[in-house]
PDB file of all heavy atoms in Angstrom:
ATOM      1  N   LEU A   1      75.908  63.006  45.558  1.00  0.00           N
ATOM      2  CA  LEU A   1      76.313  63.216  46.940  1.00  0.00           C
ATOM      3  C   LEU A   1      76.148  61.940  47.750  1.00  0.00           C
ATOM      4  O   LEU A   1      75.214  61.166  47.517  1.00  0.00           O
ATOM      5  CB  LEU A   1      75.477  64.336  47.560  1.00  0.00           C
ATOM      6  CG  LEU A   1      75.770  65.739  47.032  1.00  0.00           C
ATOM      7  CD1 LEU A   1      74.645  66.692  47.412  1.00  0.00           C
ATOM      8  CD2 LEU A   1      77.104  66.241  47.581  1.00  0.00           C
ATOM      9  N   PRO A   2      77.034  61.710  48.713  1.00  0.00           N
ATOM     10  CA  PRO A   2      76.933  60.475  49.515  1.00  0.00           C
ATOM     11  C   PRO A   2      75.702  60.485  50.415  1.00  0.00           C
ATOM     12  O   PRO A   2      75.214  61.542  50.837  1.00  0.00           O
ATOM     13  CB  PRO A   2      78.226  60.503  50.346  1.00  0.00           C
ATOM     14  CG  PRO A   2      78.615  61.947  50.407  1.00  0.00           C
ATOM     15  CD  PRO A   2      78.186  62.542  49.091  1.00  0.00           C
ATOM     16  N   ASP A   3      75.218  59.280  50.702  1.00  0.00           N
ATOM     17  CA  ASP A   3      74.086  59.140  51.614  1.00  0.00           C
ATOM     18  C   ASP A   3      74.500  59.535  53.025  1.00  0.00           C
ATOM     19  O   ASP A   3      75.622  59.251  53.465  1.00  0.00           O
ATOM     20  CB  ASP A   3      73.582  57.699  51.624  1.00  0.00           C
ATOM     21  CG  ASP A   3      72.950  57.295  50.297  1.00  0.00           C
ATOM     22  OD1 ASP A   3      72.419  58.179  49.598  1.00  0.00           O
ATOM     23  OD2 ASP A   3      73.007  56.093  49.959  1.00  0.00           O
ATOM     24  N   LEU A   4      73.590  60.174  53.750  1.00  0.00           N
ATOM     25  CA  LEU A   4      73.869  60.549  55.132  1.00  0.00           C
ATOM     26  C   LEU A   4      73.901  59.302  56.016  1.00  0.00           C
ATOM     27  O   LEU A   4      73.244  58.307  55.720  1.00  0.00           O
ATOM     28  CB  LEU A   4      72.814  61.536  55.630  1.00  0.00           C
ATOM     29  CG  LEU A   4      72.793  62.890  54.898  1.00  0.00           C
ATOM     30  CD1 LEU A   4      71.647  63.752  55.424  1.00  0.00           C
ATOM     31  CD2 LEU A   4      74.121  63.617  55.057  1.00  0.00           C
ATOM     32  N   PRO A   5      74.654  59.362  57.130  1.00  0.00           N
ATOM     33  CA  PRO A   5      74.911  58.145  57.921  1.00  0.00           C
ATOM     34  C   PRO A   5      73.849  57.840  58.971  1.00  0.00           C
ATOM     35  O   PRO A   5      74.143  57.198  59.976  1.00  0.00           O
ATOM     36  CB  PRO A   5      76.246  58.481  58.587  1.00  0.00           C
ATOM     37  CG  PRO A   5      76.174  59.954  58.811  1.00  0.00           C
ATOM     38  CD  PRO A   5      75.455  60.506  57.602  1.00  0.00           C
ATOM     39  N   TYR A   6      72.640  58.296  58.787  1.00  0.00           N
ATOM     40  CA  TYR A   6      71.606  58.084  59.784  1.00  0.00           C
ATOM     41  C   TYR A   6      70.243  58.249  59.106  1.00  0.00           C
ATOM     42  O   TYR A   6      70.149  58.692  57.969  1.00  0.00           O
ATOM     43  CB  TYR A   6      71.731  59.105  60.936  1.00  0.00           C
ATOM     44  CG  TYR A   6      71.503  60.498  60.435  1.00  0.00           C
ATOM     45  CD1 TYR A   6      70.224  61.011  60.327  1.00  0.00           C
ATOM     46  CD2 TYR A   6      72.563  61.270  59.981  1.00  0.00           C
ATOM     47  CE1 TYR A   6      69.995  62.258  59.785  1.00  0.00           C
ATOM     48  CE2 TYR A   6      72.341  62.508  59.439  1.00  0.00           C
ATOM     49  CZ  TYR A   6      71.067  63.002  59.345  1.00  0.00           C
ATOM     50  OH  TYR A   6      70.843  64.225  58.793  1.00  0.00           O
ATOM     51  N   PHE A   7      69.202  57.918  59.846  1.00  0.00           N
ATOM     52  CA  PHE A   7      67.846  58.172  59.363  1.00  0.00           C
ATOM     53  C   PHE A   7      67.086  58.931  60.446  1.00  0.00           C
ATOM     54  O   PHE A   7      67.167  58.602  61.626  1.00  0.00           O
ATOM     55  CB  PHE A   7      67.110  56.865  59.053  1.00  0.00           C
ATOM     56  CG  PHE A   7      65.669  57.052  58.689  1.00  0.00           C
ATOM     57  CD1 PHE A   7      65.319  57.462  57.412  1.00  0.00           C
ATOM     58  CD2 PHE A   7      64.669  56.864  59.629  1.00  0.00           C
ATOM     59  CE1 PHE A   7      63.989  57.651  57.072  1.00  0.00           C
ATOM     60  CE2 PHE A   7      63.339  57.048  59.301  1.00  0.00           C
ATOM     61  CZ  PHE A   7      62.997  57.447  58.010  1.00  0.00           C
ATOM     62  N   GLY A   8      66.362  59.966  60.055  1.00  0.00           N
ATOM     63  CA  GLY A   8      65.579  60.728  61.014  1.00  0.00           C
ATOM     64  C   GLY A   8      64.434  61.438  60.318  1.00  0.00           C
ATOM     65  O   GLY A   8      64.504  61.717  59.118  1.00  0.00           O
ATOM     66  N   LEU A   9      63.387  61.742  61.077  1.00  0.00           N
ATOM     67  CA  LEU A   9      62.199  62.366  60.507  1.00  0.00           C
ATOM     68  C   LEU A   9      62.138  63.867  60.745  1.00  0.00           C
ATOM     69  O   LEU A   9      61.317  64.556  60.132  1.00  0.00           O
ATOM     70  CB  LEU A   9      60.934  61.710  61.086  1.00  0.00           C
ATOM     71  CG  LEU A   9      60.761  60.214  60.755  1.00  0.00           C
ATOM     72  CD1 LEU A   9      59.506  59.677  61.438  1.00  0.00           C
ATOM     73  CD2 LEU A   9      60.701  59.985  59.254  1.00  0.00           C
ATOM     74  N   ASP A  10      62.993  64.386  61.627  1.00  0.00           N
ATOM     75  CA  ASP A  10      62.998  65.827  61.869  1.00  0.00           C
ATOM     76  C   ASP A  10      63.506  66.558  60.626  1.00  0.00           C
ATOM     77  O   ASP A  10      64.286  66.005  59.838  1.00  0.00           O
ATOM     78  CB  ASP A  10      63.885  66.166  63.061  1.00  0.00           C
ATOM     79  CG  ASP A  10      63.280  65.692  64.376  1.00  0.00           C
ATOM     80  OD1 ASP A  10      62.057  65.440  64.402  1.00  0.00           O
ATOM     81  OD2 ASP A  10      64.031  65.555  65.359  1.00  0.00           O
ATOM     82  N   LEU A  11      63.083  67.790  60.468  1.00  0.00           N
ATOM     83  CA  LEU A  11      63.444  68.543  59.263  1.00  0.00           C
ATOM     84  C   LEU A  11      64.950  68.633  59.072  1.00  0.00           C
ATOM     85  O   LEU A  11      65.446  68.488  57.947  1.00  0.00           O
ATOM     86  CB  LEU A  11      62.827  69.949  59.332  1.00  0.00           C
ATOM     87  CG  LEU A  11      61.310  70.040  59.124  1.00  0.00           C
ATOM     88  CD1 LEU A  11      60.841  71.478  59.297  1.00  0.00           C
ATOM     89  CD2 LEU A  11      60.919  69.517  57.741  1.00  0.00           C
ATOM     90  N   HIS A  12      65.699  68.874  60.143  1.00  0.00           N
ATOM     91  CA  HIS A  12      67.144  69.044  59.996  1.00  0.00           C
ATOM     92  C   HIS A  12      67.859  67.733  59.681  1.00  0.00           C
ATOM     93  O   HIS A  12      69.025  67.732  59.299  1.00  0.00           O
ATOM     94  CB  HIS A  12      67.746  69.673  61.253  1.00  0.00           C
ATOM     95  CG  HIS A  12      67.805  68.747  62.430  1.00  0.00           C
ATOM     96  ND1 HIS A  12      66.729  68.500  63.237  1.00  0.00           N
ATOM     97  CD2 HIS A  12      68.834  68.017  62.933  1.00  0.00           C
ATOM     98  CE1 HIS A  12      67.072  67.653  64.195  1.00  0.00           C
ATOM     99  NE2 HIS A  12      68.344  67.346  64.037  1.00  0.00           N
ATOM    100  N   GLN A  13      67.150  66.608  59.816  1.00  0.00           N
ATOM    101  CA  GLN A  13      67.747  65.307  59.542  1.00  0.00           C
ATOM    102  C   GLN A  13      67.524  64.845  58.106  1.00  0.00           C
ATOM    103  O   GLN A  13      68.177  63.906  57.656  1.00  0.00           O
ATOM    104  CB  GLN A  13      67.172  64.268  60.507  1.00  0.00           C
ATOM    105  CG  GLN A  13      67.515  64.538  61.969  1.00  0.00           C
ATOM    106  CD  GLN A  13      66.797  63.596  62.907  1.00  0.00           C
ATOM    107  OE1 GLN A  13      65.597  63.360  62.759  1.00  0.00           O
ATOM    108  NE2 GLN A  13      67.509  63.044  63.871  1.00  0.00           N
ATOM    109  N   GLN A  14      66.627  65.472  57.403  1.00  0.00           N
ATOM    110  CA  GLN A  14      66.271  65.005  56.067  1.00  0.00           C
ATOM    111  C   GLN A  14      67.271  65.531  55.034  1.00  0.00           C
ATOM    112  O   GLN A  14      67.600  66.719  55.020  1.00  0.00           O
ATOM    113  CB  GLN A  14      64.853  65.449  55.733  1.00  0.00           C
ATOM    114  CG  GLN A  14      63.811  64.834  56.659  1.00  0.00           C
ATOM    115  CD  GLN A  14      62.432  65.419  56.466  1.00  0.00           C
ATOM    116  OE1 GLN A  14      62.151  66.060  55.466  1.00  0.00           O
ATOM    117  NE2 GLN A  14      61.547  65.191  57.444  1.00  0.00           N
ATOM    118  N   PRO A  15      67.747  64.668  54.150  1.00  0.00           N
ATOM    119  CA  PRO A  15      68.784  65.065  53.188  1.00  0.00           C
ATOM    120  C   PRO A  15      68.434  66.293  52.345  1.00  0.00           C
ATOM    121  O   PRO A  15      69.311  67.094  52.027  1.00  0.00           O
ATOM    122  CB  PRO A  15      68.940  63.813  52.314  1.00  0.00           C
ATOM    123  CG  PRO A  15      68.536  62.686  53.199  1.00  0.00           C
ATOM    124  CD  PRO A  15      67.434  63.227  54.063  1.00  0.00           C
ATOM    125  N   ILE A  16      67.160  66.459  51.984  1.00  0.00           N
ATOM    126  CA  ILE A  16      66.774  67.594  51.138  1.00  0.00           C
ATOM    127  C   ILE A  16      67.014  68.912  51.854  1.00  0.00           C
ATOM    128  O   ILE A  16      67.133  69.967  51.213  1.00  0.00           O
ATOM    129  CB  ILE A  16      65.297  67.464  50.696  1.00  0.00           C
ATOM    130  CG1 ILE A  16      64.985  68.442  49.560  1.00  0.00           C
ATOM    131  CG2 ILE A  16      64.360  67.651  51.861  1.00  0.00           C
ATOM    132  CD1 ILE A  16      65.737  68.187  48.281  1.00  0.00           C
ATOM    133  N   ASN A  17      67.111  68.882  53.174  1.00  0.00           N
ATOM    134  CA  ASN A  17      67.338  70.097  53.950  1.00  0.00           C
ATOM    135  C   ASN A  17      68.807  70.324  54.304  1.00  0.00           C
ATOM    136  O   ASN A  17      69.117  71.239  55.054  1.00  0.00           O
ATOM    137  CB  ASN A  17      66.483  70.067  55.223  1.00  0.00           C
ATOM    138  CG  ASN A  17      65.005  70.152  54.905  1.00  0.00           C
ATOM    139  OD1 ASN A  17      64.587  70.906  54.038  1.00  0.00           O
ATOM    140  ND2 ASN A  17      64.195  69.342  55.588  1.00  0.00           N
ATOM    141  N   TRP A  18      69.671  69.473  53.786  1.00  0.00           N
ATOM    142  CA  TRP A  18      71.108  69.690  53.950  1.00  0.00           C
ATOM    143  C   TRP A  18      71.611  70.465  52.727  1.00  0.00           C
ATOM    144  O   TRP A  18      71.387  70.061  51.591  1.00  0.00           O
ATOM    145  CB  TRP A  18      71.845  68.351  54.056  1.00  0.00           C
ATOM    146  CG  TRP A  18      71.751  67.739  55.413  1.00  0.00           C
ATOM    147  CD1 TRP A  18      70.621  67.450  56.108  1.00  0.00           C
ATOM    148  CD2 TRP A  18      72.842  67.344  56.250  1.00  0.00           C
ATOM    149  NE1 TRP A  18      70.932  66.899  57.318  1.00  0.00           N
ATOM    150  CE2 TRP A  18      72.300  66.821  57.435  1.00  0.00           C
ATOM    151  CE3 TRP A  18      74.229  67.377  56.097  1.00  0.00           C
ATOM    152  CZ2 TRP A  18      73.094  66.347  58.478  1.00  0.00           C
ATOM    153  CZ3 TRP A  18      75.026  66.894  57.126  1.00  0.00           C
ATOM    154  CH2 TRP A  18      74.462  66.393  58.303  1.00  0.00           C
ATOM    155  N   GLY A  19      72.295  71.564  52.983  1.00  0.00           N
ATOM    156  CA  GLY A  19      72.795  72.406  51.902  1.00  0.00           C
ATOM    157  C   GLY A  19      74.231  72.064  51.511  1.00  0.00           C
ATOM    158  O   GLY A  19      74.855  71.141  52.055  1.00  0.00           O
ATOM    159  N   SER A  20      74.755  72.835  50.599  1.00  0.00           N
ATOM    160  CA  SER A  20      76.085  72.563  50.059  1.00  0.00           C
ATOM    161  C   SER A  20      77.178  72.638  51.117  1.00  0.00           C
ATOM    162  O   SER A  20      78.148  71.862  51.088  1.00  0.00           O
ATOM    163  CB  SER A  20      76.387  73.545  48.923  1.00  0.00           C
ATOM    164  OG  SER A  20      75.463  73.401  47.873  1.00  0.00           O
ATOM    165  N   GLY A  21      77.063  73.586  52.048  1.00  0.00           N
ATOM    166  CA  GLY A  21      78.094  73.724  53.073  1.00  0.00           C
ATOM    167  C   GLY A  21      78.238  72.498  53.933  1.00  0.00           C
ATOM    168  O   GLY A  21      79.356  72.019  54.189  1.00  0.00           O
ATOM    169  N   LEU A  22      77.117  71.952  54.396  1.00  0.00           N
ATOM    170  CA  LEU A  22      77.159  70.726  55.212  1.00  0.00           C
ATOM    171  C   LEU A  22      77.597  69.537  54.386  1.00  0.00           C
ATOM    172  O   LEU A  22      78.389  68.693  54.840  1.00  0.00           O
ATOM    173  CB  LEU A  22      75.786  70.476  55.820  1.00  0.00           C
ATOM    174  CG  LEU A  22      75.495  71.038  57.207  1.00  0.00           C
ATOM    175  CD1 LEU A  22      76.383  70.435  58.281  1.00  0.00           C
ATOM    176  CD2 LEU A  22      75.578  72.548  57.249  1.00  0.00           C
ATOM    177  N   TYR A  23      77.098  69.447  53.154  1.00  0.00           N
ATOM    178  CA  TYR A  23      77.499  68.323  52.305  1.00  0.00           C
ATOM    179  C   TYR A  23      78.979  68.401  51.910  1.00  0.00           C
ATOM    180  O   TYR A  23      79.617  67.362  51.694  1.00  0.00           O
ATOM    181  CB  TYR A  23      76.625  68.245  51.057  1.00  0.00           C
ATOM    182  CG  TYR A  23      75.476  67.274  51.192  1.00  0.00           C
ATOM    183  CD1 TYR A  23      74.168  67.706  51.122  1.00  0.00           C
ATOM    184  CD2 TYR A  23      75.707  65.914  51.371  1.00  0.00           C
ATOM    185  CE1 TYR A  23      73.102  66.811  51.247  1.00  0.00           C
ATOM    186  CE2 TYR A  23      74.656  65.015  51.490  1.00  0.00           C
ATOM    187  CZ  TYR A  23      73.359  65.467  51.431  1.00  0.00           C
ATOM    188  OH  TYR A  23      72.316  64.572  51.555  1.00  0.00           O
ATOM    189  N   ALA A  24      79.532  69.590  51.809  1.00  0.00           N
ATOM    190  CA  ALA A  24      80.968  69.704  51.536  1.00  0.00           C
ATOM    191  C   ALA A  24      81.768  69.059  52.668  1.00  0.00           C
ATOM    192  O   ALA A  24      82.719  68.304  52.432  1.00  0.00           O
ATOM    193  CB  ALA A  24      81.356  71.170  51.368  1.00  0.00           C
ATOM    194  N   VAL A  25      81.364  69.349  53.906  1.00  0.00           N
ATOM    195  CA  VAL A  25      82.048  68.764  55.062  1.00  0.00           C
ATOM    196  C   VAL A  25      81.869  67.250  55.074  1.00  0.00           C
ATOM    197  O   VAL A  25      82.832  66.493  55.264  1.00  0.00           O
ATOM    198  CB  VAL A  25      81.518  69.388  56.369  1.00  0.00           C
ATOM    199  CG1 VAL A  25      82.120  68.682  57.583  1.00  0.00           C
ATOM    200  CG2 VAL A  25      81.849  70.872  56.406  1.00  0.00           C
ATOM    201  N   TYR A  26      80.643  66.792  54.842  1.00  0.00           N
ATOM    202  CA  TYR A  26      80.397  65.351  54.876  1.00  0.00           C
ATOM    203  C   TYR A  26      81.135  64.628  53.745  1.00  0.00           C
ATOM    204  O   TYR A  26      81.656  63.521  53.941  1.00  0.00           O
ATOM    205  CB  TYR A  26      78.898  65.079  54.797  1.00  0.00           C
ATOM    206  CG  TYR A  26      78.564  63.607  54.862  1.00  0.00           C
ATOM    207  CD1 TYR A  26      79.042  62.816  55.909  1.00  0.00           C
ATOM    208  CD2 TYR A  26      77.787  63.001  53.880  1.00  0.00           C
ATOM    209  CE1 TYR A  26      78.752  61.455  55.961  1.00  0.00           C
ATOM    210  CE2 TYR A  26      77.498  61.653  53.938  1.00  0.00           C
ATOM    211  CZ  TYR A  26      77.982  60.887  54.985  1.00  0.00           C
ATOM    212  OH  TYR A  26      77.700  59.543  55.033  1.00  0.00           O
TER     213      TYR A  26
END
């Protein structure tokens, strides 16, 4: 999967907390 375009420490910003639906869009 491609790297996310930002860095953040909040839970919703961490790649491990992104699921298939969001990654499909990205």
